[in-house]
């Protein structure tokens, strides 16, 4: 129910449902069960979406708090290379990207990518998204060469796996065009 409310943009209802779920999970599974980590990621995403909708930096801090809780549980219970860690690493990277900390975002996006490559292989569409995120983080750091390399990897995978007219392909072309326009004007790197 919480995800349905979140998809409809009903943040308060989503949080209420996710918190009810947590109470039940705590009672029956304990506070450090991997299902609790999933709930923490869901709650963090609601706060991240609220922040992106203009509700302020406090929502970013709440999102980060829940993503870090999820990561701690998954590391403890599932180990450092489990596929569930991808979600926490990507989510933490997204908070850092949104709060203008591209170096921190890059650190977490790369951790997610490393697990993806091991668990999904180098041509999975999720890997394309990871390369796109890494490209955006490089771009935020002023590293156009690194950004372009990542965008090109994303583009190659996306076109092969999803087709030339997929929205991820369009998003990658858009990021590349913005980079070219910015860096051709004589901006750094």
N, C-alpha and C. Protein backbone atom coordinates (compact mmCIF):
# COMPACT_ATOMS: atom_id res chain seq x y z
N UNK A 1 0.84 -1.18 0.00
CA UNK A 1 0.00 0.00 0.00
C UNK A 1 0.88 1.25 0.00
N UNK A 2 1.98 1.19 0.77
CA UNK A 2 2.86 2.36 0.85
C UNK A 2 3.42 2.75 -0.50
N UNK A 3 3.83 1.77 -1.30
CA UNK A 3 4.38 2.08 -2.63
C UNK A 3 3.32 2.68 -3.53
N UNK A 4 2.08 2.18 -3.43
CA UNK A 4 0.99 2.73 -4.24
C UNK A 4 0.77 4.19 -3.90
N UNK A 5 0.76 4.51 -2.61
CA UNK A 5 0.61 5.91 -2.20
C UNK A 5 1.79 6.74 -2.69
N UNK A 6 2.99 6.20 -2.59
CA UNK A 6 4.18 6.93 -3.03
C UNK A 6 4.10 7.23 -4.52
N UNK A 7 3.69 6.24 -5.31
CA UNK A 7 3.59 6.44 -6.77
C UNK A 7 2.54 7.49 -7.12
N UNK A 8 1.52 7.60 -6.30
CA UNK A 8 0.48 8.60 -6.53
C UNK A 8 0.86 9.97 -5.97
N UNK A 9 2.02 10.07 -5.36
CA UNK A 9 2.47 11.33 -4.79
C UNK A 9 1.86 11.64 -3.44
N UNK A 10 1.30 10.64 -2.80
CA UNK A 10 0.68 10.80 -1.47
C UNK A 10 1.71 10.45 -0.40
N UNK A 11 2.63 11.35 -0.20
CA UNK A 11 3.78 11.11 0.67
C UNK A 11 3.39 10.78 2.10
N UNK A 12 2.48 11.53 2.67
CA UNK A 12 2.11 11.31 4.07
C UNK A 12 1.45 9.94 4.25
N UNK A 13 0.58 9.57 3.33
CA UNK A 13 -0.06 8.26 3.40
C UNK A 13 0.97 7.15 3.20
N UNK A 14 1.91 7.37 2.30
CA UNK A 14 2.96 6.36 2.07
C UNK A 14 3.79 6.17 3.33
N UNK A 15 4.20 7.27 3.95
CA UNK A 15 5.00 7.16 5.18
C UNK A 15 4.23 6.46 6.29
N UNK A 16 2.95 6.76 6.40
CA UNK A 16 2.13 6.11 7.42
C UNK A 16 2.10 4.60 7.19
N UNK A 17 1.92 4.17 5.95
CA UNK A 17 1.88 2.73 5.63
C UNK A 17 3.22 2.08 5.88
N UNK A 18 4.29 2.73 5.43
CA UNK A 18 5.63 2.15 5.63
C UNK A 18 5.97 2.06 7.12
N UNK A 19 5.58 3.04 7.89
CA UNK A 19 5.85 3.00 9.34
C UNK A 19 5.05 1.90 10.03
N UNK A 20 3.81 1.68 9.60
CA UNK A 20 3.03 0.56 10.14
C UNK A 20 3.73 -0.76 9.82
N UNK A 21 4.23 -0.87 8.62
CA UNK A 21 4.96 -2.07 8.20
C UNK A 21 6.18 -2.28 9.08
N UNK A 22 6.90 -1.20 9.37
CA UNK A 22 8.09 -1.30 10.22
C UNK A 22 7.75 -1.84 11.61
N UNK A 23 6.67 -1.36 12.19
CA UNK A 23 6.28 -1.82 13.53
C UNK A 23 6.07 -3.33 13.52
N UNK A 24 5.39 -3.82 12.50
CA UNK A 24 5.14 -5.27 12.39
C UNK A 24 6.45 -6.02 12.16
N UNK A 25 7.29 -5.48 11.28
CA UNK A 25 8.58 -6.13 11.00
C UNK A 25 9.46 -6.17 12.25
N UNK A 26 9.52 -5.08 13.00
CA UNK A 26 10.31 -5.06 14.23
C UNK A 26 9.84 -6.17 15.17
N UNK A 27 8.52 -6.30 15.29
CA UNK A 27 7.94 -7.27 16.22
C UNK A 27 8.26 -8.71 15.80
N UNK A 28 8.13 -8.99 14.51
CA UNK A 28 8.24 -10.38 14.05
C UNK A 28 9.60 -10.76 13.48
N UNK A 29 10.34 -9.80 12.97
CA UNK A 29 11.62 -10.10 12.31
C UNK A 29 12.82 -9.54 13.05
N UNK A 30 12.60 -8.54 13.88
CA UNK A 30 13.70 -7.85 14.53
C UNK A 30 14.05 -6.59 13.77
N UNK A 31 14.91 -5.79 14.38
CA UNK A 31 15.24 -4.49 13.78
C UNK A 31 16.35 -4.55 12.74
N UNK A 32 16.98 -5.70 12.58
CA UNK A 32 18.09 -5.76 11.62
C UNK A 32 17.87 -6.83 10.55
N UNK A 33 16.64 -7.07 10.21
CA UNK A 33 16.30 -8.03 9.16
C UNK A 33 16.38 -7.33 7.79
N UNK A 34 16.80 -8.03 6.74
CA UNK A 34 16.86 -7.41 5.41
C UNK A 34 15.53 -6.81 4.92
N UNK A 35 14.40 -7.36 5.36
CA UNK A 35 13.12 -6.75 4.99
C UNK A 35 12.95 -5.37 5.61
N UNK A 36 13.52 -5.18 6.79
CA UNK A 36 13.51 -3.86 7.42
C UNK A 36 14.33 -2.89 6.58
N UNK A 37 15.43 -3.36 6.04
CA UNK A 37 16.26 -2.51 5.17
C UNK A 37 15.46 -2.07 3.94
N UNK A 38 14.67 -2.97 3.38
CA UNK A 38 13.84 -2.60 2.23
C UNK A 38 12.85 -1.51 2.63
N UNK A 39 12.24 -1.65 3.80
CA UNK A 39 11.32 -0.62 4.27
C UNK A 39 12.04 0.71 4.49
N UNK A 40 13.24 0.66 5.05
CA UNK A 40 14.01 1.90 5.23
C UNK A 40 14.30 2.56 3.88
N UNK A 41 14.66 1.77 2.88
CA UNK A 41 14.89 2.35 1.55
C UNK A 41 13.61 2.98 1.00
N UNK A 42 12.47 2.31 1.21
CA UNK A 42 11.20 2.87 0.74
C UNK A 42 10.88 4.19 1.44
N UNK A 43 11.09 4.25 2.74
CA UNK A 43 10.85 5.48 3.49
C UNK A 43 11.81 6.57 3.03
N UNK A 44 13.07 6.20 2.84
CA UNK A 44 14.05 7.16 2.35
C UNK A 44 13.66 7.73 1.00
N UNK A 45 13.14 6.88 0.12
CA UNK A 45 12.71 7.36 -1.19
C UNK A 45 11.55 8.34 -1.12
N UNK A 46 10.64 8.12 -0.19
CA UNK A 46 9.55 9.08 -0.01
C UNK A 46 10.13 10.43 0.40
N UNK A 47 11.06 10.44 1.35
CA UNK A 47 11.68 11.70 1.78
C UNK A 47 12.48 12.33 0.64
N UNK A 48 13.17 11.52 -0.14
CA UNK A 48 13.94 12.04 -1.28
C UNK A 48 13.00 12.69 -2.30
N UNK A 49 11.88 12.04 -2.58
CA UNK A 49 10.91 12.61 -3.52
C UNK A 49 10.28 13.88 -2.98
N UNK A 50 10.02 13.91 -1.67
CA UNK A 50 9.48 15.13 -1.07
C UNK A 50 10.49 16.27 -1.20
N UNK A 51 11.75 15.97 -0.97
CA UNK A 51 12.79 17.00 -1.07
C UNK A 51 12.85 17.53 -2.50
N UNK A 52 12.80 16.62 -3.46
CA UNK A 52 12.85 17.02 -4.87
C UNK A 52 11.64 17.83 -5.28
N UNK A 53 10.54 17.66 -4.56
CA UNK A 53 9.32 18.41 -4.86
C UNK A 53 9.31 19.77 -4.14
N UNK A 54 10.43 20.13 -3.53
CA UNK A 54 10.55 21.45 -2.94
C UNK A 54 10.24 21.54 -1.46
N UNK A 55 10.25 20.41 -0.76
CA UNK A 55 9.94 20.43 0.66
C UNK A 55 11.16 20.75 1.53
N UNK A 56 12.32 20.96 0.93
CA UNK A 56 13.46 21.43 1.70
C UNK A 56 14.53 20.41 1.99
N UNK A 57 15.64 20.95 2.47
CA UNK A 57 16.84 20.15 2.73
C UNK A 57 16.66 19.17 3.88
N UNK A 58 15.74 19.45 4.79
CA UNK A 58 15.50 18.54 5.88
C UNK A 58 15.04 17.18 5.39
N UNK A 59 14.33 17.16 4.29
CA UNK A 59 13.89 15.89 3.71
C UNK A 59 15.08 15.11 3.17
N UNK A 60 16.07 15.80 2.61
CA UNK A 60 17.29 15.11 2.15
C UNK A 60 18.00 14.45 3.32
N UNK A 61 18.06 15.15 4.45
CA UNK A 61 18.71 14.58 5.63
C UNK A 61 17.96 13.35 6.12
N UNK A 62 16.64 13.41 6.11
CA UNK A 62 15.84 12.25 6.52
C UNK A 62 16.04 11.09 5.56
N UNK A 63 16.05 11.40 4.26
CA UNK A 63 16.26 10.35 3.26
C UNK A 63 17.60 9.67 3.49
N UNK A 64 18.63 10.47 3.67
CA UNK A 64 19.97 9.91 3.88
C UNK A 64 20.01 9.05 5.14
N UNK A 65 19.36 9.49 6.18
CA UNK A 65 19.32 8.72 7.43
C UNK A 65 18.74 7.32 7.19
N UNK A 66 17.64 7.25 6.48
CA UNK A 66 17.01 5.95 6.24
C UNK A 66 17.82 5.09 5.27
N UNK A 67 18.42 5.71 4.26
CA UNK A 67 19.24 4.93 3.33
C UNK A 67 20.46 4.35 4.04
N UNK A 68 21.04 5.13 4.93
CA UNK A 68 22.21 4.64 5.68
C UNK A 68 21.83 3.52 6.64
N UNK A 69 20.64 3.60 7.23
CA UNK A 69 20.17 2.51 8.09
C UNK A 69 20.01 1.22 7.26
N UNK A 70 19.42 1.36 6.08
CA UNK A 70 19.23 0.20 5.21
C UNK A 70 20.57 -0.40 4.83
N UNK A 71 21.52 0.45 4.47
CA UNK A 71 22.85 -0.03 4.08
C UNK A 71 23.52 -0.78 5.22
N UNK A 72 23.43 -0.24 6.43
CA UNK A 72 24.06 -0.89 7.59
C UNK A 72 23.49 -2.29 7.82
N UNK A 73 22.18 -2.42 7.71
CA UNK A 73 21.55 -3.73 7.90
C UNK A 73 22.01 -4.70 6.81
N UNK A 74 21.95 -4.26 5.56
CA UNK A 74 22.31 -5.15 4.46
C UNK A 74 23.78 -5.57 4.52
N UNK A 75 24.65 -4.65 4.87
CA UNK A 75 26.07 -5.01 5.01
C UNK A 75 26.25 -6.05 6.11
N UNK A 76 25.57 -5.85 7.22
CA UNK A 76 25.69 -6.76 8.35
C UNK A 76 25.09 -8.12 8.04
N UNK A 77 23.92 -8.15 7.44
CA UNK A 77 23.18 -9.40 7.28
C UNK A 77 23.45 -10.11 5.94
N UNK A 78 23.79 -9.36 4.91
CA UNK A 78 23.91 -9.96 3.58
C UNK A 78 25.33 -9.95 3.02
N UNK A 79 26.20 -9.15 3.60
CA UNK A 79 27.57 -9.08 3.11
C UNK A 79 27.78 -7.97 2.11
N UNK A 80 29.05 -7.68 1.77
CA UNK A 80 29.39 -6.50 0.98
C UNK A 80 29.09 -6.59 -0.52
N UNK A 81 28.73 -7.75 -1.02
CA UNK A 81 28.50 -7.89 -2.46
C UNK A 81 27.09 -8.34 -2.82
N UNK A 82 26.18 -8.25 -1.88
CA UNK A 82 24.81 -8.68 -2.15
C UNK A 82 24.10 -7.66 -3.04
N UNK A 83 23.24 -8.15 -3.88
CA UNK A 83 22.55 -7.29 -4.85
C UNK A 83 21.67 -6.24 -4.17
N UNK A 84 21.17 -6.52 -2.97
CA UNK A 84 20.33 -5.54 -2.26
C UNK A 84 21.08 -4.25 -1.95
N UNK A 85 22.40 -4.31 -1.82
CA UNK A 85 23.16 -3.11 -1.51
C UNK A 85 23.12 -2.08 -2.63
N UNK A 86 22.84 -2.54 -3.83
CA UNK A 86 22.76 -1.62 -4.98
C UNK A 86 21.78 -0.50 -4.68
N UNK A 87 20.62 -0.85 -4.12
CA UNK A 87 19.58 0.15 -3.87
C UNK A 87 20.07 1.22 -2.89
N UNK A 88 20.66 0.78 -1.79
CA UNK A 88 21.14 1.76 -0.81
C UNK A 88 22.25 2.62 -1.38
N UNK A 89 23.20 2.00 -2.07
CA UNK A 89 24.30 2.79 -2.66
C UNK A 89 23.78 3.80 -3.67
N UNK A 90 22.88 3.38 -4.54
CA UNK A 90 22.31 4.32 -5.51
C UNK A 90 21.53 5.43 -4.82
N UNK A 91 20.73 5.05 -3.83
CA UNK A 91 19.92 6.05 -3.12
C UNK A 91 20.80 7.06 -2.39
N UNK A 92 21.84 6.59 -1.74
CA UNK A 92 22.76 7.50 -1.05
C UNK A 92 23.45 8.40 -2.08
N UNK A 93 23.85 7.82 -3.20
CA UNK A 93 24.44 8.62 -4.27
C UNK A 93 23.49 9.70 -4.76
N UNK A 94 22.21 9.35 -4.89
CA UNK A 94 21.22 10.33 -5.36
C UNK A 94 21.06 11.49 -4.39
N UNK A 95 21.09 11.21 -3.09
CA UNK A 95 21.00 12.29 -2.10
C UNK A 95 22.21 13.21 -2.24
N UNK A 96 23.39 12.62 -2.35
CA UNK A 96 24.59 13.46 -2.49
C UNK A 96 24.58 14.25 -3.79
N UNK A 97 24.09 13.66 -4.86
CA UNK A 97 23.99 14.39 -6.12
C UNK A 97 23.01 15.56 -5.99
N UNK A 98 21.88 15.30 -5.35
CA UNK A 98 20.86 16.34 -5.20
C UNK A 98 21.30 17.46 -4.27
N UNK A 99 22.22 17.17 -3.37
CA UNK A 99 22.70 18.19 -2.43
C UNK A 99 24.06 18.74 -2.84
N UNK A 100 24.37 18.58 -4.10
CA UNK A 100 25.57 19.18 -4.72
C UNK A 100 26.87 18.69 -4.10
N UNK A 101 26.93 17.40 -3.87
CA UNK A 101 28.16 16.75 -3.39
C UNK A 101 28.53 15.66 -4.41
N UNK A 102 28.95 16.08 -5.62
CA UNK A 102 29.17 15.09 -6.68
C UNK A 102 30.29 14.09 -6.38
N UNK A 103 31.29 14.46 -5.60
CA UNK A 103 32.35 13.49 -5.27
C UNK A 103 31.80 12.36 -4.41
N UNK A 104 30.96 12.70 -3.44
CA UNK A 104 30.34 11.68 -2.61
C UNK A 104 29.36 10.84 -3.44
N UNK A 105 28.61 11.50 -4.33
CA UNK A 105 27.68 10.77 -5.19
C UNK A 105 28.45 9.76 -6.03
N UNK A 106 29.56 10.18 -6.61
CA UNK A 106 30.37 9.31 -7.45
C UNK A 106 30.86 8.09 -6.66
N UNK A 107 31.28 8.32 -5.43
CA UNK A 107 31.76 7.22 -4.58
C UNK A 107 30.69 6.13 -4.42
N UNK A 108 29.46 6.53 -4.15
CA UNK A 108 28.40 5.55 -3.93
C UNK A 108 27.89 4.95 -5.24
N UNK A 109 27.82 5.76 -6.29
CA UNK A 109 27.42 5.21 -7.59
C UNK A 109 28.41 4.15 -8.08
N UNK A 110 29.68 4.37 -7.83
CA UNK A 110 30.68 3.38 -8.24
C UNK A 110 30.56 2.08 -7.44
N UNK A 111 30.21 2.19 -6.17
CA UNK A 111 30.00 0.98 -5.36
C UNK A 111 28.81 0.18 -5.91
N UNK A 112 27.76 0.88 -6.27
CA UNK A 112 26.59 0.20 -6.85
C UNK A 112 26.97 -0.47 -8.17
N UNK A 113 27.71 0.24 -9.00
CA UNK A 113 28.12 -0.30 -10.29
C UNK A 113 28.96 -1.56 -10.12
N UNK A 114 29.88 -1.57 -9.17
CA UNK A 114 30.74 -2.74 -8.97
C UNK A 114 29.91 -3.99 -8.67
N UNK A 115 28.89 -3.83 -7.85
CA UNK A 115 28.03 -4.97 -7.53
C UNK A 115 27.20 -5.37 -8.75
N UNK A 116 26.69 -4.38 -9.46
CA UNK A 116 25.91 -4.67 -10.67
C UNK A 116 26.72 -5.47 -11.69
N UNK A 117 27.95 -5.05 -11.90
CA UNK A 117 28.78 -5.74 -12.88
C UNK A 117 28.99 -7.20 -12.48
N UNK A 118 29.19 -7.44 -11.17
CA UNK A 118 29.39 -8.81 -10.68
C UNK A 118 28.12 -9.64 -10.77
N UNK A 119 27.00 -9.04 -10.42
CA UNK A 119 25.75 -9.79 -10.27
C UNK A 119 24.88 -9.81 -11.52
N UNK A 120 24.98 -8.77 -12.35
CA UNK A 120 24.08 -8.64 -13.50
C UNK A 120 24.79 -8.75 -14.84
N UNK A 121 26.09 -8.53 -14.81
CA UNK A 121 26.84 -8.55 -16.06
C UNK A 121 26.95 -7.17 -16.68
N UNK A 122 27.88 -6.99 -17.61
CA UNK A 122 28.19 -5.66 -18.14
C UNK A 122 27.18 -5.09 -19.13
N UNK A 123 26.20 -5.87 -19.55
CA UNK A 123 25.26 -5.35 -20.56
C UNK A 123 23.84 -5.23 -20.04
N UNK A 124 23.64 -5.35 -18.75
CA UNK A 124 22.29 -5.23 -18.18
C UNK A 124 21.84 -3.75 -18.25
N UNK A 125 20.57 -3.50 -18.56
CA UNK A 125 20.10 -2.11 -18.63
C UNK A 125 20.33 -1.31 -17.35
N UNK A 126 20.31 -1.95 -16.18
CA UNK A 126 20.58 -1.23 -14.93
C UNK A 126 22.01 -0.72 -14.90
N UNK A 127 22.92 -1.44 -15.55
CA UNK A 127 24.32 -0.99 -15.64
C UNK A 127 24.39 0.29 -16.47
N UNK A 128 23.57 0.36 -17.51
CA UNK A 128 23.52 1.59 -18.32
C UNK A 128 23.09 2.77 -17.48
N UNK A 129 22.09 2.57 -16.64
CA UNK A 129 21.64 3.64 -15.74
C UNK A 129 22.75 4.03 -14.78
N UNK A 130 23.47 3.04 -14.27
CA UNK A 130 24.58 3.32 -13.35
C UNK A 130 25.65 4.16 -14.03
N UNK A 131 25.99 3.81 -15.26
CA UNK A 131 26.98 4.61 -15.99
C UNK A 131 26.47 6.04 -16.23
N UNK A 132 25.19 6.17 -16.49
CA UNK A 132 24.62 7.51 -16.68
C UNK A 132 24.74 8.32 -15.40
N UNK A 133 24.41 7.70 -14.25
CA UNK A 133 24.55 8.39 -12.96
C UNK A 133 26.00 8.78 -12.70
N UNK A 134 26.91 7.89 -13.00
CA UNK A 134 28.34 8.18 -12.81
C UNK A 134 28.76 9.33 -13.73
N UNK A 135 28.25 9.33 -14.94
CA UNK A 135 28.55 10.44 -15.85
C UNK A 135 28.08 11.77 -15.29
N UNK A 136 26.88 11.79 -14.74
CA UNK A 136 26.36 13.02 -14.14
C UNK A 136 27.22 13.48 -12.97
N UNK A 137 27.69 12.52 -12.16
CA UNK A 137 28.55 12.87 -11.03
C UNK A 137 29.90 13.41 -11.51
N UNK A 138 30.47 12.77 -12.53
CA UNK A 138 31.73 13.30 -13.10
C UNK A 138 31.51 14.72 -13.62
N UNK A 139 30.39 14.91 -14.31
CA UNK A 139 30.08 16.23 -14.85
C UNK A 139 29.97 17.25 -13.71
N UNK A 140 29.32 16.86 -12.63
CA UNK A 140 29.21 17.75 -11.47
C UNK A 140 30.55 18.09 -10.85
N UNK A 141 31.52 17.19 -11.02
CA UNK A 141 32.88 17.44 -10.52
C UNK A 141 33.72 18.23 -11.51
N UNK A 142 33.15 18.56 -12.66
CA UNK A 142 33.91 19.29 -13.68
C UNK A 142 34.81 18.39 -14.50
N UNK A 143 34.58 17.10 -14.47
CA UNK A 143 35.39 16.12 -15.22
C UNK A 143 34.62 15.68 -16.46
N UNK A 144 34.69 16.49 -17.51
CA UNK A 144 33.94 16.20 -18.72
C UNK A 144 34.46 14.94 -19.41
N UNK A 145 35.73 14.69 -19.37
CA UNK A 145 36.29 13.49 -20.00
C UNK A 145 35.72 12.24 -19.32
N UNK A 146 35.73 12.21 -18.00
CA UNK A 146 35.16 11.09 -17.26
C UNK A 146 33.66 10.96 -17.51
N UNK A 147 32.98 12.10 -17.56
CA UNK A 147 31.54 12.08 -17.83
C UNK A 147 31.26 11.50 -19.20
N UNK A 148 31.98 11.97 -20.20
CA UNK A 148 31.75 11.49 -21.57
C UNK A 148 32.01 10.00 -21.69
N UNK A 149 33.06 9.50 -21.07
CA UNK A 149 33.34 8.05 -21.10
C UNK A 149 32.18 7.27 -20.50
N UNK A 150 31.66 7.74 -19.39
CA UNK A 150 30.54 7.05 -18.73
C UNK A 150 29.28 7.13 -19.58
N UNK A 151 29.01 8.31 -20.15
CA UNK A 151 27.83 8.45 -21.01
C UNK A 151 27.92 7.52 -22.22
N UNK A 152 29.11 7.42 -22.80
CA UNK A 152 29.27 6.55 -23.97
C UNK A 152 29.02 5.09 -23.61
N UNK A 153 29.47 4.66 -22.44
CA UNK A 153 29.20 3.29 -21.99
C UNK A 153 27.70 3.09 -21.79
N UNK A 154 27.06 4.05 -21.16
CA UNK A 154 25.62 3.97 -20.95
C UNK A 154 24.88 3.89 -22.27
N UNK A 155 25.28 4.74 -23.20
CA UNK A 155 24.63 4.80 -24.50
C UNK A 155 24.76 3.48 -25.26
N UNK A 156 25.95 2.91 -25.26
CA UNK A 156 26.17 1.66 -25.98
C UNK A 156 25.29 0.54 -25.43
N UNK A 157 25.23 0.42 -24.12
CA UNK A 157 24.41 -0.62 -23.49
C UNK A 157 22.93 -0.36 -23.75
N UNK A 158 22.52 0.88 -23.58
CA UNK A 158 21.11 1.24 -23.73
C UNK A 158 20.60 0.97 -25.13
N UNK A 159 21.36 1.39 -26.13
CA UNK A 159 20.93 1.17 -27.50
C UNK A 159 20.83 -0.32 -27.80
N UNK A 160 21.84 -1.08 -27.36
CA UNK A 160 21.85 -2.52 -27.64
C UNK A 160 20.72 -3.24 -26.91
N UNK A 161 20.49 -2.92 -25.66
CA UNK A 161 19.54 -3.66 -24.84
C UNK A 161 18.11 -3.11 -24.89
N UNK A 162 17.97 -1.81 -25.11
CA UNK A 162 16.65 -1.19 -25.00
C UNK A 162 16.13 -0.60 -26.30
N UNK A 163 17.03 -0.37 -27.25
CA UNK A 163 16.64 0.23 -28.52
C UNK A 163 16.97 1.71 -28.56
N UNK A 164 17.15 2.21 -29.77
CA UNK A 164 17.62 3.58 -29.98
C UNK A 164 16.61 4.65 -29.56
N UNK A 165 15.34 4.27 -29.39
CA UNK A 165 14.35 5.29 -29.04
C UNK A 165 13.85 5.16 -27.60
N UNK A 166 14.64 4.50 -26.75
CA UNK A 166 14.27 4.35 -25.34
C UNK A 166 14.55 5.65 -24.58
N UNK A 167 13.74 5.97 -23.55
CA UNK A 167 13.96 7.20 -22.78
C UNK A 167 15.35 7.31 -22.15
N UNK A 168 15.97 6.20 -21.75
CA UNK A 168 17.32 6.28 -21.19
C UNK A 168 18.32 6.74 -22.25
N UNK A 169 18.12 6.32 -23.48
CA UNK A 169 18.98 6.77 -24.58
C UNK A 169 18.82 8.29 -24.75
N UNK A 170 17.57 8.75 -24.73
CA UNK A 170 17.32 10.19 -24.86
C UNK A 170 17.95 10.96 -23.71
N UNK A 171 17.82 10.43 -22.50
CA UNK A 171 18.40 11.08 -21.32
C UNK A 171 19.92 11.18 -21.44
N UNK A 172 20.54 10.12 -21.93
CA UNK A 172 22.00 10.12 -22.08
C UNK A 172 22.43 11.11 -23.15
N UNK A 173 21.72 11.13 -24.29
CA UNK A 173 22.05 12.12 -25.33
C UNK A 173 21.90 13.54 -24.79
N UNK A 174 20.87 13.77 -24.00
CA UNK A 174 20.64 15.09 -23.42
C UNK A 174 21.79 15.49 -22.50
N UNK A 175 22.22 14.56 -21.65
CA UNK A 175 23.34 14.85 -20.74
C UNK A 175 24.61 15.15 -21.52
N UNK A 176 24.84 14.37 -22.58
CA UNK A 176 26.02 14.60 -23.42
C UNK A 176 25.95 15.96 -24.10
N UNK A 177 24.78 16.33 -24.62
CA UNK A 177 24.62 17.62 -25.30
C UNK A 177 24.86 18.78 -24.34
N UNK A 178 24.31 18.66 -23.13
CA UNK A 178 24.53 19.70 -22.13
C UNK A 178 26.02 19.84 -21.80
N UNK A 179 26.70 18.71 -21.68
CA UNK A 179 28.13 18.74 -21.41
C UNK A 179 28.91 19.39 -22.53
N UNK A 180 28.61 19.00 -23.76
CA UNK A 180 29.30 19.60 -24.90
C UNK A 180 29.08 21.10 -24.93
N UNK A 181 27.84 21.53 -24.73
CA UNK A 181 27.54 22.96 -24.76
C UNK A 181 28.28 23.71 -23.67
N UNK A 182 28.33 23.15 -22.49
CA UNK A 182 28.97 23.79 -21.34
C UNK A 182 30.47 23.86 -21.54
N UNK A 183 31.08 22.76 -21.91
CA UNK A 183 32.53 22.70 -21.98
C UNK A 183 33.10 23.36 -23.23
N UNK A 184 32.32 23.48 -24.28
CA UNK A 184 32.79 24.17 -25.49
C UNK A 184 32.87 25.66 -25.25
N UNK A 185 32.15 26.17 -24.27
CA UNK A 185 32.17 27.61 -23.97
C UNK A 185 33.42 28.01 -23.20
N UNK A 186 34.32 27.07 -22.98
CA UNK A 186 35.57 27.39 -22.30
C UNK A 186 35.53 27.19 -20.80
N UNK A 187 34.52 26.50 -20.32
CA UNK A 187 34.46 26.19 -18.89
C UNK A 187 35.50 25.15 -18.56
N UNK A 188 35.73 24.89 -17.28
CA UNK A 188 36.80 23.97 -16.89
C UNK A 188 36.71 22.62 -17.57
N UNK A 189 37.86 22.05 -17.86
CA UNK A 189 38.03 20.74 -18.49
C UNK A 189 37.15 20.62 -19.68
